[in-house]
Amino acid sequence: MYQGVSLDSVKRNLKAMYMKAIEQNIVPIAATVLPYNSSEMEATEINELNAWIMETACRLNIPMADTSLSVANPANRNRLLTSADGLHPDVSGYHSMAIALSQAIEEQLKSTKLIERRKPE
């Protein structure tokens, strides 16, 4: 979207990636798009895409990491909390994203282990 790709095209591409992974018995981890501090793009498009990502992850029953929330400024969720260039998080932001992704992966692993334990031998 930052490069002018339409919102609908991004949604189609993401869904195709999710479905391809699922077809191959790979569990994709959906992650939200990060906010920015300096860009020509409207935050409303990112917010709409992030809502779609969360809804789609729920519908497809795949893990979801809200990486956007992990780096957002609490006073304005459409802006990064800390950034050297206005487009990318700083080191602490990347650390926060790693925690959000790790939690989503850990929850998926716990869920998978619970399902495996319930299977009759």
N, C-alpha and C. Protein backbone atom coordinates (compact mmCIF):
# COMPACT_ATOMS: atom_id res chain seq x y z
N MET A 1 0.82 -1.19 0.00
CA MET A 1 0.00 0.00 0.00
C MET A 1 0.86 1.25 0.00
N TYR A 2 2.01 1.19 0.69
CA TYR A 2 2.91 2.34 0.68
C TYR A 2 3.40 2.64 -0.73
N GLN A 3 3.40 1.60 -1.59
CA GLN A 3 3.89 1.76 -2.96
C GLN A 3 2.76 1.92 -3.97
N GLY A 4 1.55 2.17 -3.48
CA GLY A 4 0.43 2.44 -4.37
C GLY A 4 -0.41 1.23 -4.74
N VAL A 5 -0.15 0.06 -4.17
CA VAL A 5 -0.97 -1.12 -4.43
C VAL A 5 -2.31 -0.93 -3.72
N SER A 6 -3.40 -1.26 -4.39
CA SER A 6 -4.73 -1.02 -3.82
C SER A 6 -4.98 -1.90 -2.60
N LEU A 7 -5.85 -1.42 -1.74
CA LEU A 7 -6.24 -2.14 -0.54
C LEU A 7 -6.83 -3.50 -0.91
N ASP A 8 -7.69 -3.54 -1.91
CA ASP A 8 -8.29 -4.81 -2.33
C ASP A 8 -7.24 -5.80 -2.82
N SER A 9 -6.26 -5.31 -3.53
CA SER A 9 -5.19 -6.18 -4.02
C SER A 9 -4.36 -6.74 -2.86
N VAL A 10 -4.08 -5.91 -1.87
CA VAL A 10 -3.33 -6.37 -0.70
C VAL A 10 -4.12 -7.45 0.03
N LYS A 11 -5.42 -7.23 0.20
CA LYS A 11 -6.26 -8.23 0.86
C LYS A 11 -6.26 -9.55 0.09
N ARG A 12 -6.42 -9.48 -1.23
CA ARG A 12 -6.41 -10.70 -2.05
C ARG A 12 -5.09 -11.43 -1.92
N ASN A 13 -3.99 -10.69 -1.96
CA ASN A 13 -2.67 -11.32 -1.87
C ASN A 13 -2.45 -11.95 -0.50
N LEU A 14 -2.82 -11.26 0.56
CA LEU A 14 -2.67 -11.83 1.89
C LEU A 14 -3.52 -13.09 2.05
N LYS A 15 -4.77 -13.03 1.60
CA LYS A 15 -5.62 -14.21 1.73
C LYS A 15 -5.06 -15.37 0.92
N ALA A 16 -4.53 -15.09 -0.26
CA ALA A 16 -3.93 -16.16 -1.07
C ALA A 16 -2.74 -16.79 -0.35
N MET A 17 -1.92 -15.96 0.31
CA MET A 17 -0.78 -16.50 1.06
C MET A 17 -1.26 -17.34 2.24
N TYR A 18 -2.26 -16.85 2.97
CA TYR A 18 -2.80 -17.62 4.09
C TYR A 18 -3.31 -18.97 3.59
N MET A 19 -4.09 -18.95 2.52
CA MET A 19 -4.70 -20.18 2.00
C MET A 19 -3.65 -21.15 1.47
N LYS A 20 -2.65 -20.65 0.79
CA LYS A 20 -1.57 -21.50 0.28
C LYS A 20 -0.84 -22.18 1.43
N ALA A 21 -0.57 -21.44 2.49
CA ALA A 21 0.09 -22.03 3.66
C ALA A 21 -0.79 -23.11 4.27
N ILE A 22 -2.06 -22.81 4.47
CA ILE A 22 -2.98 -23.76 5.07
C ILE A 22 -3.07 -25.03 4.22
N GLU A 23 -3.15 -24.87 2.90
CA GLU A 23 -3.21 -26.03 2.00
C GLU A 23 -1.97 -26.92 2.13
N GLN A 24 -0.85 -26.32 2.50
CA GLN A 24 0.41 -27.07 2.65
C GLN A 24 0.63 -27.51 4.10
N ASN A 25 -0.41 -27.42 4.93
CA ASN A 25 -0.33 -27.77 6.36
C ASN A 25 0.68 -26.94 7.11
N ILE A 26 0.80 -25.69 6.71
CA ILE A 26 1.64 -24.71 7.40
C ILE A 26 0.70 -23.73 8.10
N VAL A 27 0.99 -23.44 9.35
CA VAL A 27 0.16 -22.49 10.08
C VAL A 27 0.74 -21.09 9.89
N PRO A 28 0.05 -20.24 9.13
CA PRO A 28 0.54 -18.87 8.97
C PRO A 28 0.25 -18.06 10.22
N ILE A 29 1.05 -17.07 10.48
CA ILE A 29 0.81 -16.13 11.57
C ILE A 29 0.44 -14.79 10.93
N ALA A 30 -0.79 -14.38 11.11
CA ALA A 30 -1.22 -13.08 10.58
C ALA A 30 -0.66 -11.99 11.49
N ALA A 31 -0.26 -10.89 10.90
CA ALA A 31 0.27 -9.76 11.68
C ALA A 31 -0.24 -8.46 11.06
N THR A 32 -0.57 -7.53 11.92
CA THR A 32 -1.09 -6.25 11.45
C THR A 32 0.03 -5.37 10.89
N VAL A 33 -0.39 -4.42 10.06
CA VAL A 33 0.52 -3.48 9.42
C VAL A 33 0.83 -2.35 10.41
N LEU A 34 2.07 -1.96 10.45
CA LEU A 34 2.51 -0.96 11.42
C LEU A 34 2.04 0.45 11.06
N PRO A 35 1.86 1.28 12.08
CA PRO A 35 1.59 2.69 11.82
C PRO A 35 2.86 3.38 11.31
N TYR A 36 2.75 4.63 10.99
CA TYR A 36 3.88 5.40 10.48
C TYR A 36 3.77 6.82 11.01
N ASN A 37 4.84 7.54 10.93
CA ASN A 37 4.81 8.94 11.35
C ASN A 37 4.93 9.89 10.17
N SER A 38 5.49 9.43 9.08
CA SER A 38 5.63 10.29 7.91
C SER A 38 5.44 9.47 6.65
N SER A 39 4.30 9.68 6.01
CA SER A 39 3.98 8.97 4.78
C SER A 39 2.85 9.70 4.08
N GLU A 40 2.73 9.47 2.79
CA GLU A 40 1.65 10.07 2.02
C GLU A 40 0.34 9.30 2.20
N MET A 41 0.43 8.06 2.65
CA MET A 41 -0.73 7.20 2.74
C MET A 41 -1.60 7.57 3.94
N GLU A 42 -2.90 7.41 3.77
CA GLU A 42 -3.86 7.70 4.83
C GLU A 42 -3.88 6.57 5.86
N ALA A 43 -3.92 6.92 7.11
CA ALA A 43 -3.99 5.94 8.19
C ALA A 43 -5.27 5.13 8.12
N THR A 44 -6.32 5.69 7.54
CA THR A 44 -7.60 4.97 7.47
C THR A 44 -7.46 3.67 6.67
N GLU A 45 -6.62 3.70 5.62
CA GLU A 45 -6.41 2.48 4.83
C GLU A 45 -5.70 1.41 5.66
N ILE A 46 -4.72 1.80 6.43
CA ILE A 46 -4.02 0.84 7.29
C ILE A 46 -4.97 0.30 8.33
N ASN A 47 -5.78 1.16 8.93
CA ASN A 47 -6.74 0.71 9.94
C ASN A 47 -7.75 -0.26 9.33
N GLU A 48 -8.21 0.02 8.14
CA GLU A 48 -9.15 -0.88 7.46
C GLU A 48 -8.49 -2.23 7.17
N LEU A 49 -7.25 -2.19 6.69
CA LEU A 49 -6.53 -3.43 6.40
C LEU A 49 -6.30 -4.22 7.69
N ASN A 50 -5.92 -3.54 8.76
CA ASN A 50 -5.67 -4.24 10.02
C ASN A 50 -6.94 -4.89 10.56
N ALA A 51 -8.07 -4.22 10.43
CA ALA A 51 -9.34 -4.81 10.86
C ALA A 51 -9.63 -6.05 10.02
N TRP A 52 -9.38 -5.98 8.72
CA TRP A 52 -9.59 -7.12 7.83
C TRP A 52 -8.65 -8.27 8.21
N ILE A 53 -7.39 -7.97 8.50
CA ILE A 53 -6.43 -9.01 8.89
C ILE A 53 -6.93 -9.73 10.15
N MET A 54 -7.37 -8.98 11.14
CA MET A 54 -7.85 -9.59 12.38
C MET A 54 -9.11 -10.44 12.14
N GLU A 55 -10.04 -9.92 11.36
CA GLU A 55 -11.26 -10.68 11.05
C GLU A 55 -10.93 -11.95 10.26
N THR A 56 -10.04 -11.83 9.30
CA THR A 56 -9.68 -12.97 8.47
C THR A 56 -8.94 -14.03 9.27
N ALA A 57 -8.04 -13.61 10.14
CA ALA A 57 -7.34 -14.57 11.01
C ALA A 57 -8.34 -15.33 11.87
N CYS A 58 -9.32 -14.63 12.40
CA CYS A 58 -10.35 -15.27 13.22
C CYS A 58 -11.17 -16.24 12.37
N ARG A 59 -11.58 -15.79 11.20
CA ARG A 59 -12.40 -16.62 10.30
C ARG A 59 -11.65 -17.88 9.86
N LEU A 60 -10.35 -17.74 9.58
CA LEU A 60 -9.54 -18.88 9.13
C LEU A 60 -8.96 -19.68 10.29
N ASN A 61 -9.19 -19.19 11.50
CA ASN A 61 -8.68 -19.84 12.71
C ASN A 61 -7.15 -19.97 12.67
N ILE A 62 -6.50 -18.86 12.33
CA ILE A 62 -5.04 -18.83 12.33
C ILE A 62 -4.56 -17.84 13.40
N PRO A 63 -3.37 -18.04 13.92
CA PRO A 63 -2.84 -17.12 14.94
C PRO A 63 -2.70 -15.71 14.39
N MET A 64 -2.83 -14.75 15.29
CA MET A 64 -2.76 -13.33 14.92
C MET A 64 -1.89 -12.59 15.92
N ALA A 65 -0.99 -11.77 15.42
CA ALA A 65 -0.16 -10.92 16.26
C ALA A 65 -0.47 -9.47 15.91
N ASP A 66 -0.87 -8.70 16.88
CA ASP A 66 -1.16 -7.29 16.63
C ASP A 66 0.14 -6.49 16.76
N THR A 67 0.97 -6.60 15.73
CA THR A 67 2.26 -5.92 15.74
C THR A 67 2.07 -4.40 15.68
N SER A 68 0.99 -3.95 15.08
CA SER A 68 0.71 -2.52 15.03
C SER A 68 0.54 -1.95 16.44
N LEU A 69 -0.28 -2.62 17.22
CA LEU A 69 -0.51 -2.17 18.59
C LEU A 69 0.77 -2.20 19.42
N SER A 70 1.63 -3.17 19.12
CA SER A 70 2.86 -3.31 19.92
C SER A 70 3.84 -2.15 19.74
N VAL A 71 3.72 -1.42 18.63
CA VAL A 71 4.65 -0.30 18.38
C VAL A 71 3.96 1.06 18.34
N ALA A 72 2.63 1.06 18.49
CA ALA A 72 1.87 2.30 18.36
C ALA A 72 2.03 3.20 19.58
N ASN A 73 1.94 4.48 19.33
CA ASN A 73 1.95 5.48 20.39
C ASN A 73 0.59 5.42 21.09
N PRO A 74 0.53 5.19 22.40
CA PRO A 74 -0.76 5.10 23.09
C PRO A 74 -1.61 6.37 22.93
N ALA A 75 -0.98 7.52 22.75
CA ALA A 75 -1.73 8.77 22.58
C ALA A 75 -2.32 8.90 21.17
N ASN A 76 -1.74 8.19 20.20
CA ASN A 76 -2.23 8.23 18.82
C ASN A 76 -1.80 6.93 18.16
N ARG A 77 -2.70 5.97 18.10
CA ARG A 77 -2.36 4.64 17.56
C ARG A 77 -2.00 4.65 16.09
N ASN A 78 -2.19 5.77 15.41
CA ASN A 78 -1.81 5.87 14.00
C ASN A 78 -0.37 6.37 13.84
N ARG A 79 0.35 6.43 14.93
CA ARG A 79 1.75 6.88 14.90
C ARG A 79 2.60 5.89 15.69
N LEU A 80 3.86 5.78 15.29
CA LEU A 80 4.81 4.94 16.01
C LEU A 80 5.18 5.60 17.33
N LEU A 81 5.39 4.79 18.34
CA LEU A 81 5.82 5.33 19.63
C LEU A 81 7.21 5.93 19.53
N THR A 82 8.12 5.18 18.90
CA THR A 82 9.50 5.66 18.71
C THR A 82 9.98 5.24 17.33
N SER A 83 10.65 6.17 16.66
CA SER A 83 11.14 5.91 15.30
C SER A 83 12.22 6.91 14.94
N ALA A 84 13.27 6.41 14.32
CA ALA A 84 14.35 7.29 13.88
C ALA A 84 14.01 7.99 12.56
N ASP A 85 13.25 7.31 11.70
CA ASP A 85 12.98 7.87 10.37
C ASP A 85 11.51 8.17 10.10
N GLY A 86 10.63 7.88 11.04
CA GLY A 86 9.21 8.15 10.86
C GLY A 86 8.45 7.05 10.15
N LEU A 87 9.15 6.08 9.60
CA LEU A 87 8.49 4.97 8.90
C LEU A 87 8.71 3.64 9.59
N HIS A 88 9.82 3.48 10.28
CA HIS A 88 10.18 2.21 10.88
C HIS A 88 10.31 2.36 12.40
N PRO A 89 9.95 1.29 13.14
CA PRO A 89 10.17 1.36 14.59
C PRO A 89 11.67 1.39 14.90
N ASP A 90 12.00 1.85 16.08
CA ASP A 90 13.39 1.76 16.51
C ASP A 90 13.61 0.38 17.13
N VAL A 91 14.76 0.15 17.73
CA VAL A 91 15.11 -1.15 18.27
C VAL A 91 14.07 -1.60 19.31
N SER A 92 13.63 -0.70 20.17
CA SER A 92 12.64 -1.09 21.18
C SER A 92 11.32 -1.49 20.53
N GLY A 93 10.98 -0.84 19.43
CA GLY A 93 9.77 -1.21 18.69
C GLY A 93 9.87 -2.60 18.09
N TYR A 94 11.03 -2.91 17.51
CA TYR A 94 11.23 -4.25 16.95
C TYR A 94 11.19 -5.30 18.07
N HIS A 95 11.70 -4.95 19.23
CA HIS A 95 11.64 -5.86 20.37
C HIS A 95 10.18 -6.11 20.76
N SER A 96 9.38 -5.06 20.80
CA SER A 96 7.95 -5.20 21.11
C SER A 96 7.23 -6.05 20.08
N MET A 97 7.59 -5.89 18.81
CA MET A 97 7.00 -6.72 17.76
C MET A 97 7.38 -8.18 17.96
N ALA A 98 8.62 -8.43 18.31
CA ALA A 98 9.09 -9.81 18.54
C ALA A 98 8.30 -10.45 19.67
N ILE A 99 8.03 -9.70 20.71
CA ILE A 99 7.24 -10.24 21.82
C ILE A 99 5.83 -10.59 21.35
N ALA A 100 5.20 -9.72 20.59
CA ALA A 100 3.84 -9.98 20.08
C ALA A 100 3.82 -11.23 19.20
N LEU A 101 4.82 -11.35 18.32
CA LEU A 101 4.89 -12.53 17.44
C LEU A 101 5.18 -13.78 18.24
N SER A 102 6.09 -13.70 19.20
CA SER A 102 6.42 -14.86 20.04
C SER A 102 5.20 -15.35 20.81
N GLN A 103 4.42 -14.42 21.33
CA GLN A 103 3.21 -14.81 22.07
C GLN A 103 2.21 -15.53 21.17
N ALA A 104 2.04 -15.04 19.94
CA ALA A 104 1.13 -15.70 19.00
C ALA A 104 1.61 -17.11 18.67
N ILE A 105 2.91 -17.26 18.48
CA ILE A 105 3.48 -18.57 18.17
C ILE A 105 3.35 -19.50 19.36
N GLU A 106 3.66 -19.01 20.55
CA GLU A 106 3.56 -19.83 21.76
C GLU A 106 2.12 -20.30 22.00
N GLU A 107 1.16 -19.40 21.80
CA GLU A 107 -0.25 -19.78 21.97
C GLU A 107 -0.63 -20.86 20.97
N GLN A 108 -0.15 -20.74 19.74
CA GLN A 108 -0.44 -21.75 18.72
C GLN A 108 0.19 -23.09 19.10
N LEU A 109 1.41 -23.07 19.58
CA LEU A 109 2.08 -24.31 19.98
C LEU A 109 1.35 -24.97 21.14
N LYS A 110 0.93 -24.19 22.12
CA LYS A 110 0.17 -24.74 23.25
C LYS A 110 -1.14 -25.36 22.77
N SER A 111 -1.82 -24.67 21.88
CA SER A 111 -3.08 -25.15 21.33
C SER A 111 -2.87 -26.45 20.57
N THR A 112 -1.82 -26.52 19.78
CA THR A 112 -1.52 -27.72 19.00
C THR A 112 -1.22 -28.89 19.93
N LYS A 113 -0.47 -28.64 20.98
CA LYS A 113 -0.13 -29.71 21.93
C LYS A 113 -1.38 -30.20 22.64
N LEU A 114 -2.31 -29.31 22.97
CA LEU A 114 -3.55 -29.72 23.60
C LEU A 114 -4.38 -30.61 22.67
N ILE A 115 -4.42 -30.24 21.40
CA ILE A 115 -5.16 -31.03 20.42
C ILE A 115 -4.51 -32.40 20.26
N GLU A 116 -3.17 -32.43 20.19
CA GLU A 116 -2.47 -33.70 20.02
C GLU A 116 -2.69 -34.61 21.22
N ARG A 117 -2.75 -34.06 22.44
CA ARG A 117 -2.98 -34.86 23.64
C ARG A 117 -4.38 -35.48 23.66
N ARG A 118 -5.33 -34.81 23.04
CA ARG A 118 -6.71 -35.30 23.04
C ARG A 118 -6.95 -36.42 22.02
N LYS A 119 -6.07 -36.56 21.04
CA LYS A 119 -6.24 -37.57 20.01
C LYS A 119 -6.11 -38.97 20.62
N PRO A 120 -7.04 -39.88 20.27
CA PRO A 120 -6.88 -41.26 20.75
C PRO A 120 -5.70 -41.93 20.05
N GLU A 121 -5.03 -42.77 20.80
CA GLU A 121 -3.85 -43.45 20.21
C GLU A 121 -4.23 -44.76 19.57
